[in-house]
């Protein structure tokens, strides 16, 4: 997938290859098992084909809890702004909102409807996200519900700027939400029907040229609490779908897209390479044409993955 960048010395590569990797036995077994399962089967054959809206591939959510009510990130001509509108809740961050957005996009693409049914019970919905059902103040139910509140209450705006053109959109992505689940009884069927209604502009944005992903990979990365790992995986699924020649990407550019939570490029580089085990170079990474992790032809149609270079 990545090739050595000229100028990286053999001694530097040797030290990198021989560096200690701290993985416990359970993590290693889980990683091997997940890799074998993903490589061995097409996600379409096991109902694991998912999607992510390109907007959240080009510009990613916070990895850590933001200290302000506003979050702004730019990538080329694209700028995305998130705003926490409820004083009782902050902005969404970490792995759970990424899983939620993947589920939302998958359902919107599959049903071609802005009204999404969440499932008959909380436990069924959590199983689809790959989350175990645990209670308590720090359990998965509590954390998921809080992140859902943060995400579903947030306002979003995005804009494209270039020579002679511009586009601006501001909206609440989730116009209506009905959540009738009882957190104390997650197995109990929801008789009233929990659902989301997406704003039309947001629905059209995420179903237009979505990025195909393997939901098994997302769930495994989420189980490792690796929001950066999720971002890298989805980004590679997107970039490799249209890459035609080797392209070098500098660390500063990568940090702009992924690393606003990191104080320096050096710290970001270390975190990035911890998630993606490749031979590093001082200047950046050389991305070479490779097969995508999932096919771009889905449901009898070709998913258009083309993106203007200015937004990459």
C-alpha atoms as a PDB file:
ATOM      1  CA  UNK A   1       0.000   0.000   0.000  1.00  0.00           C
ATOM      2  CA  UNK A   2       2.795   2.403   0.928  1.00  0.00           C
ATOM      3  CA  UNK A   3       6.267   2.399  -0.583  1.00  0.00           C
ATOM      4  CA  UNK A   4       9.563   3.660   0.774  1.00  0.00           C
ATOM      5  CA  UNK A   5      10.188   7.337   0.125  1.00  0.00           C
ATOM      6  CA  UNK A   6      13.641   8.003  -1.367  1.00  0.00           C
ATOM      7  CA  UNK A   7      15.996   9.572   1.147  1.00  0.00           C
ATOM      8  CA  UNK A   8      14.939   7.481   4.119  1.00  0.00           C
ATOM      9  CA  UNK A   9      18.175   5.761   5.152  1.00  0.00           C
ATOM     10  CA  UNK A  10      18.545   2.007   5.546  1.00  0.00           C
ATOM     11  CA  UNK A  11      19.573   2.564   9.160  1.00  0.00           C
ATOM     12  CA  UNK A  12      16.352   4.516   9.853  1.00  0.00           C
ATOM     13  CA  UNK A  13      14.289   1.739   8.275  1.00  0.00           C
ATOM     14  CA  UNK A  14      16.151  -0.933  10.257  1.00  0.00           C
ATOM     15  CA  UNK A  15      15.498   0.873  13.546  1.00  0.00           C
ATOM     16  CA  UNK A  16      11.816   1.288  12.652  1.00  0.00           C
ATOM     17  CA  UNK A  17      11.421  -2.371  11.659  1.00  0.00           C
ATOM     18  CA  UNK A  18      13.081  -3.520  14.901  1.00  0.00           C
ATOM     19  CA  UNK A  19      11.205  -1.143  17.192  1.00  0.00           C
ATOM     20  CA  UNK A  20       9.203  -2.807  19.986  1.00  0.00           C
ATOM     21  CA  UNK A  21       5.450  -2.985  19.416  1.00  0.00           C
ATOM     22  CA  UNK A  22       3.557  -3.249  22.675  1.00  0.00           C
ATOM     23  CA  UNK A  23       0.597  -5.514  22.005  1.00  0.00           C
ATOM     24  CA  UNK A  24      -0.885  -7.775  24.629  1.00  0.00           C
ATOM     25  CA  UNK A  25      -1.847 -11.333  23.724  1.00  0.00           C
ATOM     26  CA  UNK A  26      -5.575 -10.682  23.626  1.00  0.00           C
ATOM     27  CA  UNK A  27      -5.143  -7.671  21.355  1.00  0.00           C
ATOM     28  CA  UNK A  28      -2.931  -9.699  19.009  1.00  0.00           C
ATOM     29  CA  UNK A  29      -5.396 -12.592  18.822  1.00  0.00           C
ATOM     30  CA  UNK A  30      -8.309 -10.213  18.181  1.00  0.00           C
ATOM     31  CA  UNK A  31      -6.337  -8.420  15.469  1.00  0.00           C
ATOM     32  CA  UNK A  32      -5.389 -11.657  13.686  1.00  0.00           C
ATOM     33  CA  UNK A  33      -8.942 -13.003  13.919  1.00  0.00           C
ATOM     34  CA  UNK A  34     -10.481  -9.776  12.603  1.00  0.00           C
ATOM     35  CA  UNK A  35      -7.965  -9.546   9.755  1.00  0.00           C
ATOM     36  CA  UNK A  36      -8.560 -13.139   8.675  1.00  0.00           C
ATOM     37  CA  UNK A  37     -12.324 -12.652   8.690  1.00  0.00           C
ATOM     38  CA  UNK A  38     -12.171  -9.432   6.684  1.00  0.00           C
ATOM     39  CA  UNK A  39      -9.671 -10.712   4.117  1.00  0.00           C
ATOM     40  CA  UNK A  40     -11.447 -14.016   3.674  1.00  0.00           C
ATOM     41  CA  UNK A  41     -14.939 -12.748   2.776  1.00  0.00           C
ATOM     42  CA  UNK A  42     -16.453 -10.026   0.641  1.00  0.00           C
ATOM     43  CA  UNK A  43     -18.409  -7.624   2.899  1.00  0.00           C
ATOM     44  CA  UNK A  44     -21.364  -7.804   0.515  1.00  0.00           C
ATOM     45  CA  UNK A  45     -21.652 -11.551   1.053  1.00  0.00           C
ATOM     46  CA  UNK A  46     -22.002 -11.224   4.821  1.00  0.00           C
ATOM     47  CA  UNK A  47     -24.129  -8.066   4.939  1.00  0.00           C
ATOM     48  CA  UNK A  48     -21.234  -5.943   6.194  1.00  0.00           C
ATOM     49  CA  UNK A  49     -21.070  -3.358   3.426  1.00  0.00           C
ATOM     50  CA  UNK A  50     -21.220   0.130   4.870  1.00  0.00           C
ATOM     51  CA  UNK A  51     -20.715   3.715   3.801  1.00  0.00           C
ATOM     52  CA  UNK A  52     -19.365   6.971   5.149  1.00  0.00           C
ATOM     53  CA  UNK A  53     -20.333  10.371   3.808  1.00  0.00           C
ATOM     54  CA  UNK A  54     -17.374  11.991   2.021  1.00  0.00           C
ATOM     55  CA  UNK A  55     -17.821  15.104   4.132  1.00  0.00           C
ATOM     56  CA  UNK A  56     -16.631  13.194   7.224  1.00  0.00           C
ATOM     57  CA  UNK A  57     -13.789  11.548   5.325  1.00  0.00           C
ATOM     58  CA  UNK A  58     -12.326  14.775   4.031  1.00  0.00           C
ATOM     59  CA  UNK A  59     -12.762  16.530   7.382  1.00  0.00           C
ATOM     60  CA  UNK A  60     -12.912  14.399  10.520  1.00  0.00           C
ATOM     61  CA  UNK A  61     -14.571  14.778  13.921  1.00  0.00           C
ATOM     62  CA  UNK A  62     -12.642  15.512  17.136  1.00  0.00           C
ATOM     63  CA  UNK A  63     -10.708  12.616  18.667  1.00  0.00           C
ATOM     64  CA  UNK A  64     -10.823  13.997  22.196  1.00  0.00           C
ATOM     65  CA  UNK A  65     -13.428  15.970  24.121  1.00  0.00           C
ATOM     66  CA  UNK A  66     -13.345  19.552  22.778  1.00  0.00           C
ATOM     67  CA  UNK A  67     -12.924  22.312  25.344  1.00  0.00           C
ATOM     68  CA  UNK A  68     -15.129  24.724  23.379  1.00  0.00           C
ATOM     69  CA  UNK A  69     -18.622  24.585  21.927  1.00  0.00           C
ATOM     70  CA  UNK A  70     -17.345  25.144  18.370  1.00  0.00           C
ATOM     71  CA  UNK A  71     -15.068  22.941  16.263  1.00  0.00           C
ATOM     72  CA  UNK A  72     -13.651  24.091  12.922  1.00  0.00           C
ATOM     73  CA  UNK A  73     -11.513  22.080  10.536  1.00  0.00           C
ATOM     74  CA  UNK A  74     -10.412  22.833   6.963  1.00  0.00           C
ATOM     75  CA  UNK A  75      -9.028  20.666   4.189  1.00  0.00           C
ATOM     76  CA  UNK A  76      -8.171  22.507   1.008  1.00  0.00           C
ATOM     77  CA  UNK A  77     -11.258  24.313  -0.248  1.00  0.00           C
ATOM     78  CA  UNK A  78     -13.536  22.614   2.305  1.00  0.00           C
ATOM     79  CA  UNK A  79     -14.259  23.976   5.779  1.00  0.00           C
ATOM     80  CA  UNK A  80     -16.577  22.224   8.244  1.00  0.00           C
ATOM     81  CA  UNK A  81     -17.881  23.757  11.476  1.00  0.00           C
ATOM     82  CA  UNK A  82     -19.641  21.919  14.294  1.00  0.00           C
ATOM     83  CA  UNK A  83     -21.514  23.816  16.996  1.00  0.00           C
ATOM     84  CA  UNK A  84     -22.874  22.456  20.273  1.00  0.00           C
ATOM     85  CA  UNK A  85     -26.290  24.094  20.563  1.00  0.00           C
ATOM     86  CA  UNK A  86     -27.339  22.678  23.962  1.00  0.00           C
ATOM     87  CA  UNK A  87     -25.396  23.979  26.998  1.00  0.00           C
ATOM     88  CA  UNK A  88     -25.942  20.631  28.731  1.00  0.00           C
ATOM     89  CA  UNK A  89     -24.047  18.765  26.006  1.00  0.00           C
ATOM     90  CA  UNK A  90     -20.758  19.313  24.249  1.00  0.00           C
ATOM     91  CA  UNK A  91     -19.547  18.270  20.829  1.00  0.00           C
ATOM     92  CA  UNK A  92     -19.362  14.608  19.745  1.00  0.00           C
ATOM     93  CA  UNK A  93     -15.915  13.025  19.779  1.00  0.00           C
ATOM     94  CA  UNK A  94     -14.145   9.657  19.643  1.00  0.00           C
ATOM     95  CA  UNK A  95     -15.252   6.354  18.145  1.00  0.00           C
ATOM     96  CA  UNK A  96     -18.990   6.300  18.887  1.00  0.00           C
ATOM     97  CA  UNK A  97     -19.994   9.275  16.673  1.00  0.00           C
ATOM     98  CA  UNK A  98     -17.989   7.763  13.829  1.00  0.00           C
ATOM     99  CA  UNK A  99     -19.860   4.477  14.164  1.00  0.00           C
ATOM    100  CA  UNK A 100     -23.147   6.376  14.323  1.00  0.00           C
ATOM    101  CA  UNK A 101     -22.373   8.392  11.185  1.00  0.00           C
ATOM    102  CA  UNK A 102     -21.370   5.207   9.343  1.00  0.00           C
ATOM    103  CA  UNK A 103     -24.671   3.598  10.351  1.00  0.00           C
ATOM    104  CA  UNK A 104     -26.649   6.708   9.361  1.00  0.00           C
ATOM    105  CA  UNK A 105     -24.969   6.861   5.951  1.00  0.00           C
ATOM    106  CA  UNK A 106     -25.385   3.136   5.358  1.00  0.00           C
ATOM    107  CA  UNK A 107     -29.107   3.275   6.149  1.00  0.00           C
ATOM    108  CA  UNK A 108     -29.639   6.415   4.067  1.00  0.00           C
ATOM    109  CA  UNK A 109     -27.893   4.853   1.056  1.00  0.00           C
ATOM    110  CA  UNK A 110     -29.697   1.532   1.485  1.00  0.00           C
ATOM    111  CA  UNK A 111     -33.204   2.940   1.937  1.00  0.00           C
ATOM    112  CA  UNK A 112     -32.784   6.126  -0.106  1.00  0.00           C
ATOM    113  CA  UNK A 113     -34.896   7.821   2.554  1.00  0.00           C
ATOM    114  CA  UNK A 114     -34.100  10.591   5.055  1.00  0.00           C
ATOM    115  CA  UNK A 115     -36.252   8.822   7.677  1.00  0.00           C
ATOM    116  CA  UNK A 116     -34.231   6.104   9.418  1.00  0.00           C
ATOM    117  CA  UNK A 117     -35.653   3.417  11.683  1.00  0.00           C
ATOM    118  CA  UNK A 118     -33.261   2.679  14.558  1.00  0.00           C
ATOM    119  CA  UNK A 119     -34.386  -0.848  15.355  1.00  0.00           C
ATOM    120  CA  UNK A 120     -36.816  -2.552  17.687  1.00  0.00           C
ATOM    121  CA  UNK A 121     -34.640  -2.258  20.807  1.00  0.00           C
ATOM    122  CA  UNK A 122     -31.530  -0.545  22.141  1.00  0.00           C
ATOM    123  CA  UNK A 123     -29.626  -3.836  22.303  1.00  0.00           C
ATOM    124  CA  UNK A 124     -30.392  -4.592  18.637  1.00  0.00           C
ATOM    125  CA  UNK A 125     -29.126  -1.168  17.605  1.00  0.00           C
ATOM    126  CA  UNK A 126     -25.975  -1.513  19.701  1.00  0.00           C
ATOM    127  CA  UNK A 127     -25.289  -4.935  18.187  1.00  0.00           C
ATOM    128  CA  UNK A 128     -25.383  -3.367  14.729  1.00  0.00           C
ATOM    129  CA  UNK A 129     -22.718  -0.911  15.896  1.00  0.00           C
ATOM    130  CA  UNK A 130     -20.679  -3.765  17.339  1.00  0.00           C
ATOM    131  CA  UNK A 131     -21.051  -2.574  20.936  1.00  0.00           C
ATOM    132  CA  UNK A 132     -21.498  -4.813  23.936  1.00  0.00           C
ATOM    133  CA  UNK A 133     -24.376  -3.852  26.209  1.00  0.00           C
ATOM    134  CA  UNK A 134     -23.082  -2.774  29.619  1.00  0.00           C
ATOM    135  CA  UNK A 135     -24.740  -0.563  32.213  1.00  0.00           C
ATOM    136  CA  UNK A 136     -23.458   1.801  34.857  1.00  0.00           C
ATOM    137  CA  UNK A 137     -22.064   5.310  34.770  1.00  0.00           C
ATOM    138  CA  UNK A 138     -19.207   4.335  32.439  1.00  0.00           C
ATOM    139  CA  UNK A 139     -20.987   1.526  30.601  1.00  0.00           C
ATOM    140  CA  UNK A 140     -21.550   1.436  26.873  1.00  0.00           C
ATOM    141  CA  UNK A 141     -25.246   2.340  27.186  1.00  0.00           C
ATOM    142  CA  UNK A 142     -24.464   5.549  29.068  1.00  0.00           C
ATOM    143  CA  UNK A 143     -21.595   6.548  26.797  1.00  0.00           C
ATOM    144  CA  UNK A 144     -23.528   5.802  23.605  1.00  0.00           C
ATOM    145  CA  UNK A 145     -26.617   7.714  24.694  1.00  0.00           C
ATOM    146  CA  UNK A 146     -24.521  10.736  25.644  1.00  0.00           C
ATOM    147  CA  UNK A 147     -22.656  10.711  22.339  1.00  0.00           C
ATOM    148  CA  UNK A 148     -25.981  10.351  20.519  1.00  0.00           C
ATOM    149  CA  UNK A 149     -27.274  13.401  22.376  1.00  0.00           C
ATOM    150  CA  UNK A 150     -24.158  15.345  21.410  1.00  0.00           C
ATOM    151  CA  UNK A 151     -24.271  14.320  17.762  1.00  0.00           C
ATOM    152  CA  UNK A 152     -28.007  14.656  17.231  1.00  0.00           C
ATOM    153  CA  UNK A 153     -28.130  18.100  18.848  1.00  0.00           C
ATOM    154  CA  UNK A 154     -25.153  19.568  16.998  1.00  0.00           C
ATOM    155  CA  UNK A 155     -25.458  22.102  14.204  1.00  0.00           C
ATOM    156  CA  UNK A 156     -23.179  21.833  11.210  1.00  0.00           C
ATOM    157  CA  UNK A 157     -22.094  24.110   8.411  1.00  0.00           C
ATOM    158  CA  UNK A 158     -19.750  23.470   5.546  1.00  0.00           C
ATOM    159  CA  UNK A 159     -18.390  25.599   2.762  1.00  0.00           C
ATOM    160  CA  UNK A 160     -16.300  25.241  -0.377  1.00  0.00           C
ATOM    161  CA  UNK A 161     -14.163  28.145  -1.523  1.00  0.00           C
ATOM    162  CA  UNK A 162     -12.147  28.475  -4.709  1.00  0.00           C
ATOM    163  CA  UNK A 163     -11.289  30.813  -7.549  1.00  0.00           C
ATOM    164  CA  UNK A 164     -14.590  32.087  -8.797  1.00  0.00           C
ATOM    165  CA  UNK A 165     -16.857  29.738  -6.867  1.00  0.00           C
ATOM    166  CA  UNK A 166     -18.265  29.200  -3.411  1.00  0.00           C
ATOM    167  CA  UNK A 167     -20.855  27.087  -1.596  1.00  0.00           C
ATOM    168  CA  UNK A 168     -22.243  27.452   1.940  1.00  0.00           C
ATOM    169  CA  UNK A 169     -24.686  25.275   3.870  1.00  0.00           C
ATOM    170  CA  UNK A 170     -25.822  25.644   7.484  1.00  0.00           C
ATOM    171  CA  UNK A 171     -28.297  23.302   9.137  1.00  0.00           C
ATOM    172  CA  UNK A 172     -29.227  20.842  11.864  1.00  0.00           C
ATOM    173  CA  UNK A 173     -28.402  17.459  10.269  1.00  0.00           C
ATOM    174  CA  UNK A 174     -30.952  15.650  12.448  1.00  0.00           C
ATOM    175  CA  UNK A 175     -34.230  17.543  12.156  1.00  0.00           C
ATOM    176  CA  UNK A 176     -36.237  15.144  14.305  1.00  0.00           C
ATOM    177  CA  UNK A 177     -35.311  12.285  16.606  1.00  0.00           C
ATOM    178  CA  UNK A 178     -37.574   9.917  18.497  1.00  0.00           C
ATOM    179  CA  UNK A 179     -35.742   7.718  20.998  1.00  0.00           C
ATOM    180  CA  UNK A 180     -38.144   5.612  23.062  1.00  0.00           C
ATOM    181  CA  UNK A 181     -35.648   3.046  24.332  1.00  0.00           C
ATOM    182  CA  UNK A 182     -35.437   2.379  28.057  1.00  0.00           C
ATOM    183  CA  UNK A 183     -31.702   2.300  28.995  1.00  0.00           C
ATOM    184  CA  UNK A 184     -32.541   0.209  32.054  1.00  0.00           C
ATOM    185  CA  UNK A 185     -34.151  -2.469  29.858  1.00  0.00           C
ATOM    186  CA  UNK A 186     -32.112  -2.508  26.610  1.00  0.00           C
ATOM    187  CA  UNK A 187     -33.650  -5.814  25.444  1.00  0.00           C
ATOM    188  CA  UNK A 188     -37.194  -4.463  25.666  1.00  0.00           C
ATOM    189  CA  UNK A 189     -38.899  -3.939  22.324  1.00  0.00           C
ATOM    190  CA  UNK A 190     -39.717  -0.369  21.357  1.00  0.00           C
ATOM    191  CA  UNK A 191     -43.435  -0.305  20.588  1.00  0.00           C
ATOM    192  CA  UNK A 192     -43.562   3.370  19.559  1.00  0.00           C
ATOM    193  CA  UNK A 193     -40.686   3.197  17.061  1.00  0.00           C
ATOM    194  CA  UNK A 194     -37.395   5.055  17.473  1.00  0.00           C
ATOM    195  CA  UNK A 195     -36.326   6.927  14.377  1.00  0.00           C
ATOM    196  CA  UNK A 196     -34.301   9.794  12.958  1.00  0.00           C
ATOM    197  CA  UNK A 197     -35.291  12.263  10.288  1.00  0.00           C
ATOM    198  CA  UNK A 198     -32.383  13.815   8.425  1.00  0.00           C
ATOM    199  CA  UNK A 199     -32.404  17.305   6.995  1.00  0.00           C
ATOM    200  CA  UNK A 200     -32.856  17.069   3.229  1.00  0.00           C
ATOM    201  CA  UNK A 201     -29.586  18.891   2.471  1.00  0.00           C
ATOM    202  CA  UNK A 202     -27.654  16.620   4.842  1.00  0.00           C
ATOM    203  CA  UNK A 203     -29.301  13.496   3.420  1.00  0.00           C
ATOM    204  CA  UNK A 204     -28.386  14.521  -0.125  1.00  0.00           C
ATOM    205  CA  UNK A 205     -24.812  15.280   0.935  1.00  0.00           C
ATOM    206  CA  UNK A 206     -24.117  11.894   2.528  1.00  0.00           C
ATOM    207  CA  UNK A 207     -25.778   9.751  -0.167  1.00  0.00           C
ATOM    208  CA  UNK A 208     -24.017  11.613  -2.975  1.00  0.00           C
ATOM    209  CA  UNK A 209     -20.855   9.655  -3.798  1.00  0.00           C
ATOM    210  CA  UNK A 210     -20.509   7.915  -0.405  1.00  0.00           C
ATOM    211  CA  UNK A 211     -17.312   6.068   0.515  1.00  0.00           C
ATOM    212  CA  UNK A 212     -17.795   2.262   0.748  1.00  0.00           C
ATOM    213  CA  UNK A 213     -16.324   0.724   3.909  1.00  0.00           C
ATOM    214  CA  UNK A 214     -16.257  -2.660   5.597  1.00  0.00           C
ATOM    215  CA  UNK A 215     -18.259  -2.352   8.810  1.00  0.00           C
ATOM    216  CA  UNK A 216     -16.257  -5.188  10.383  1.00  0.00           C
ATOM    217  CA  UNK A 217     -13.110  -3.074  10.120  1.00  0.00           C
ATOM    218  CA  UNK A 218     -14.851  -0.068  11.670  1.00  0.00           C
ATOM    219  CA  UNK A 219     -16.227  -2.107  14.547  1.00  0.00           C
ATOM    220  CA  UNK A 220     -12.847  -3.710  15.258  1.00  0.00           C
ATOM    221  CA  UNK A 221     -11.096  -0.335  15.287  1.00  0.00           C
ATOM    222  CA  UNK A 222     -13.830   1.024  17.541  1.00  0.00           C
ATOM    223  CA  UNK A 223     -13.315  -1.901  19.934  1.00  0.00           C
ATOM    224  CA  UNK A 224      -9.696  -0.725  20.225  1.00  0.00           C
ATOM    225  CA  UNK A 225     -10.968   2.811  20.959  1.00  0.00           C
ATOM    226  CA  UNK A 226      -9.108   4.015  17.900  1.00  0.00           C
ATOM    227  CA  UNK A 227     -10.933   6.972  16.386  1.00  0.00           C
ATOM    228  CA  UNK A 228      -7.754   7.942  14.517  1.00  0.00           C
ATOM    229  CA  UNK A 229      -7.528   4.373  13.205  1.00  0.00           C
ATOM    230  CA  UNK A 230     -11.099   4.651  11.877  1.00  0.00           C
ATOM    231  CA  UNK A 231     -10.265   7.935  10.155  1.00  0.00           C
ATOM    232  CA  UNK A 232      -7.145   6.482   8.535  1.00  0.00           C
ATOM    233  CA  UNK A 233      -8.976   3.371   7.333  1.00  0.00           C
ATOM    234  CA  UNK A 234     -11.843   5.333   5.783  1.00  0.00           C
ATOM    235  CA  UNK A 235      -9.434   7.831   4.230  1.00  0.00           C
ATOM    236  CA  UNK A 236      -7.451   5.010   2.585  1.00  0.00           C
ATOM    237  CA  UNK A 237     -10.660   3.415   1.284  1.00  0.00           C
ATOM    238  CA  UNK A 238     -11.441   6.758  -0.340  1.00  0.00           C
ATOM    239  CA  UNK A 239      -8.019   7.746  -1.666  1.00  0.00           C
ATOM    240  CA  UNK A 240      -7.122   4.339  -3.101  1.00  0.00           C
ATOM    241  CA  UNK A 241     -10.398   4.214  -5.037  1.00  0.00           C
ATOM    242  CA  UNK A 242      -9.202   6.860  -7.478  1.00  0.00           C
ATOM    243  CA  UNK A 243      -5.407   6.961  -7.037  1.00  0.00           C
ATOM    244  CA  UNK A 244      -3.702   6.403 -10.400  1.00  0.00           C
ATOM    245  CA  UNK A 245      -0.061   7.201  -9.639  1.00  0.00           C
ATOM    246  CA  UNK A 246       2.212   7.319  -6.572  1.00  0.00           C
ATOM    247  CA  UNK A 247       1.483  10.425  -4.528  1.00  0.00           C
ATOM    248  CA  UNK A 248       3.559  11.766  -1.670  1.00  0.00           C
ATOM    249  CA  UNK A 249       1.596  13.336   1.187  1.00  0.00           C
ATOM    250  CA  UNK A 250       3.482  15.450   3.684  1.00  0.00           C
ATOM    251  CA  UNK A 251       3.065  15.209   7.450  1.00  0.00           C
ATOM    252  CA  UNK A 252       1.839  18.795   7.660  1.00  0.00           C
ATOM    253  CA  UNK A 253      -0.993  18.016   5.210  1.00  0.00           C
ATOM    254  CA  UNK A 254      -1.899  14.830   7.057  1.00  0.00           C
ATOM    255  CA  UNK A 255      -1.954  16.670  10.376  1.00  0.00           C
ATOM    256  CA  UNK A 256      -4.275  19.313   8.900  1.00  0.00           C
ATOM    257  CA  UNK A 257      -6.774  16.614   7.934  1.00  0.00           C
ATOM    258  CA  UNK A 258      -6.472  14.256  10.914  1.00  0.00           C
ATOM    259  CA  UNK A 259      -4.542  15.847  13.712  1.00  0.00           C
ATOM    260  CA  UNK A 260      -6.073  19.005  15.089  1.00  0.00           C
ATOM    261  CA  UNK A 261      -6.055  17.361  18.541  1.00  0.00           C
ATOM    262  CA  UNK A 262      -2.258  17.068  18.484  1.00  0.00           C
ATOM    263  CA  UNK A 263      -0.029  19.882  19.679  1.00  0.00           C
ATOM    264  CA  UNK A 264       2.754  19.282  17.148  1.00  0.00           C
ATOM    265  CA  UNK A 265       3.382  17.526  13.851  1.00  0.00           C
ATOM    266  CA  UNK A 266       5.920  15.309  15.628  1.00  0.00           C
ATOM    267  CA  UNK A 267       3.315  14.044  18.112  1.00  0.00           C
ATOM    268  CA  UNK A 268       0.780  13.525  15.340  1.00  0.00           C
ATOM    269  CA  UNK A 269       3.319  11.623  13.221  1.00  0.00           C
ATOM    270  CA  UNK A 270       4.037   9.249  16.115  1.00  0.00           C
ATOM    271  CA  UNK A 271       0.311   8.618  16.702  1.00  0.00           C
ATOM    272  CA  UNK A 272      -0.376   8.122  12.999  1.00  0.00           C
ATOM    273  CA  UNK A 273       2.438   5.589  12.594  1.00  0.00           C
ATOM    274  CA  UNK A 274       1.272   3.733  15.704  1.00  0.00           C
ATOM    275  CA  UNK A 275      -2.076   3.145  13.994  1.00  0.00           C
ATOM    276  CA  UNK A 276      -0.718   2.448  10.517  1.00  0.00           C
ATOM    277  CA  UNK A 277       2.408   0.288  10.623  1.00  0.00           C
ATOM    278  CA  UNK A 278       4.413   1.546   7.626  1.00  0.00           C
ATOM    279  CA  UNK A 279       7.987   2.563   6.949  1.00  0.00           C
ATOM    280  CA  UNK A 280       8.113   6.290   7.700  1.00  0.00           C
ATOM    281  CA  UNK A 281      10.147   9.069   6.154  1.00  0.00           C
ATOM    282  CA  UNK A 282      10.868  12.564   7.346  1.00  0.00           C
ATOM    283  CA  UNK A 283       8.826  14.203   4.610  1.00  0.00           C
ATOM    284  CA  UNK A 284       5.667  12.146   4.689  1.00  0.00           C
ATOM    285  CA  UNK A 285       4.163   9.022   3.111  1.00  0.00           C
ATOM    286  CA  UNK A 286       4.145   7.822  -0.468  1.00  0.00           C
ATOM    287  CA  UNK A 287       0.739   6.407  -1.299  1.00  0.00           C
ATOM    288  CA  UNK A 288       0.798   4.004  -4.258  1.00  0.00           C
ATOM    289  CA  UNK A 289      -2.131   2.619  -6.286  1.00  0.00           C
ATOM    290  CA  UNK A 290      -3.580  -0.426  -4.513  1.00  0.00           C
ATOM    291  CA  UNK A 291      -6.866  -2.347  -4.428  1.00  0.00           C
ATOM    292  CA  UNK A 292      -9.501  -0.833  -2.168  1.00  0.00           C
ATOM    293  CA  UNK A 293     -10.661  -2.667   0.936  1.00  0.00           C
ATOM    294  CA  UNK A 294     -14.179  -2.886  -0.505  1.00  0.00           C
ATOM    295  CA  UNK A 295     -15.491  -2.815  -4.092  1.00  0.00           C
ATOM    296  CA  UNK A 296     -16.701   0.504  -5.462  1.00  0.00           C
ATOM    297  CA  UNK A 297     -19.427  -1.207  -7.477  1.00  0.00           C
ATOM    298  CA  UNK A 298     -22.326  -1.642  -5.090  1.00  0.00           C
ATOM    299  CA  UNK A 299     -25.940  -2.691  -5.613  1.00  0.00           C
ATOM    300  CA  UNK A 300     -25.509  -2.846  -9.374  1.00  0.00           C
ATOM    301  CA  UNK A 301     -24.183   0.692  -9.715  1.00  0.00           C
ATOM    302  CA  UNK A 302     -20.783   2.302  -9.633  1.00  0.00           C
ATOM    303  CA  UNK A 303     -20.279   4.574  -6.629  1.00  0.00           C
ATOM    304  CA  UNK A 304     -18.736   7.768  -8.000  1.00  0.00           C
ATOM    305  CA  UNK A 305     -15.701   8.390  -5.822  1.00  0.00           C
ATOM    306  CA  UNK A 306     -14.221  11.298  -7.752  1.00  0.00           C
ATOM    307  CA  UNK A 307     -13.352  14.306  -5.622  1.00  0.00           C
ATOM    308  CA  UNK A 308     -11.801  17.621  -6.696  1.00  0.00           C
ATOM    309  CA  UNK A 309      -8.106  17.660  -5.772  1.00  0.00           C
ATOM    310  CA  UNK A 310      -8.538  20.943  -3.943  1.00  0.00           C
ATOM    311  CA  UNK A 311     -10.568  19.216  -1.230  1.00  0.00           C
ATOM    312  CA  UNK A 312      -8.068  16.453  -0.588  1.00  0.00           C
END
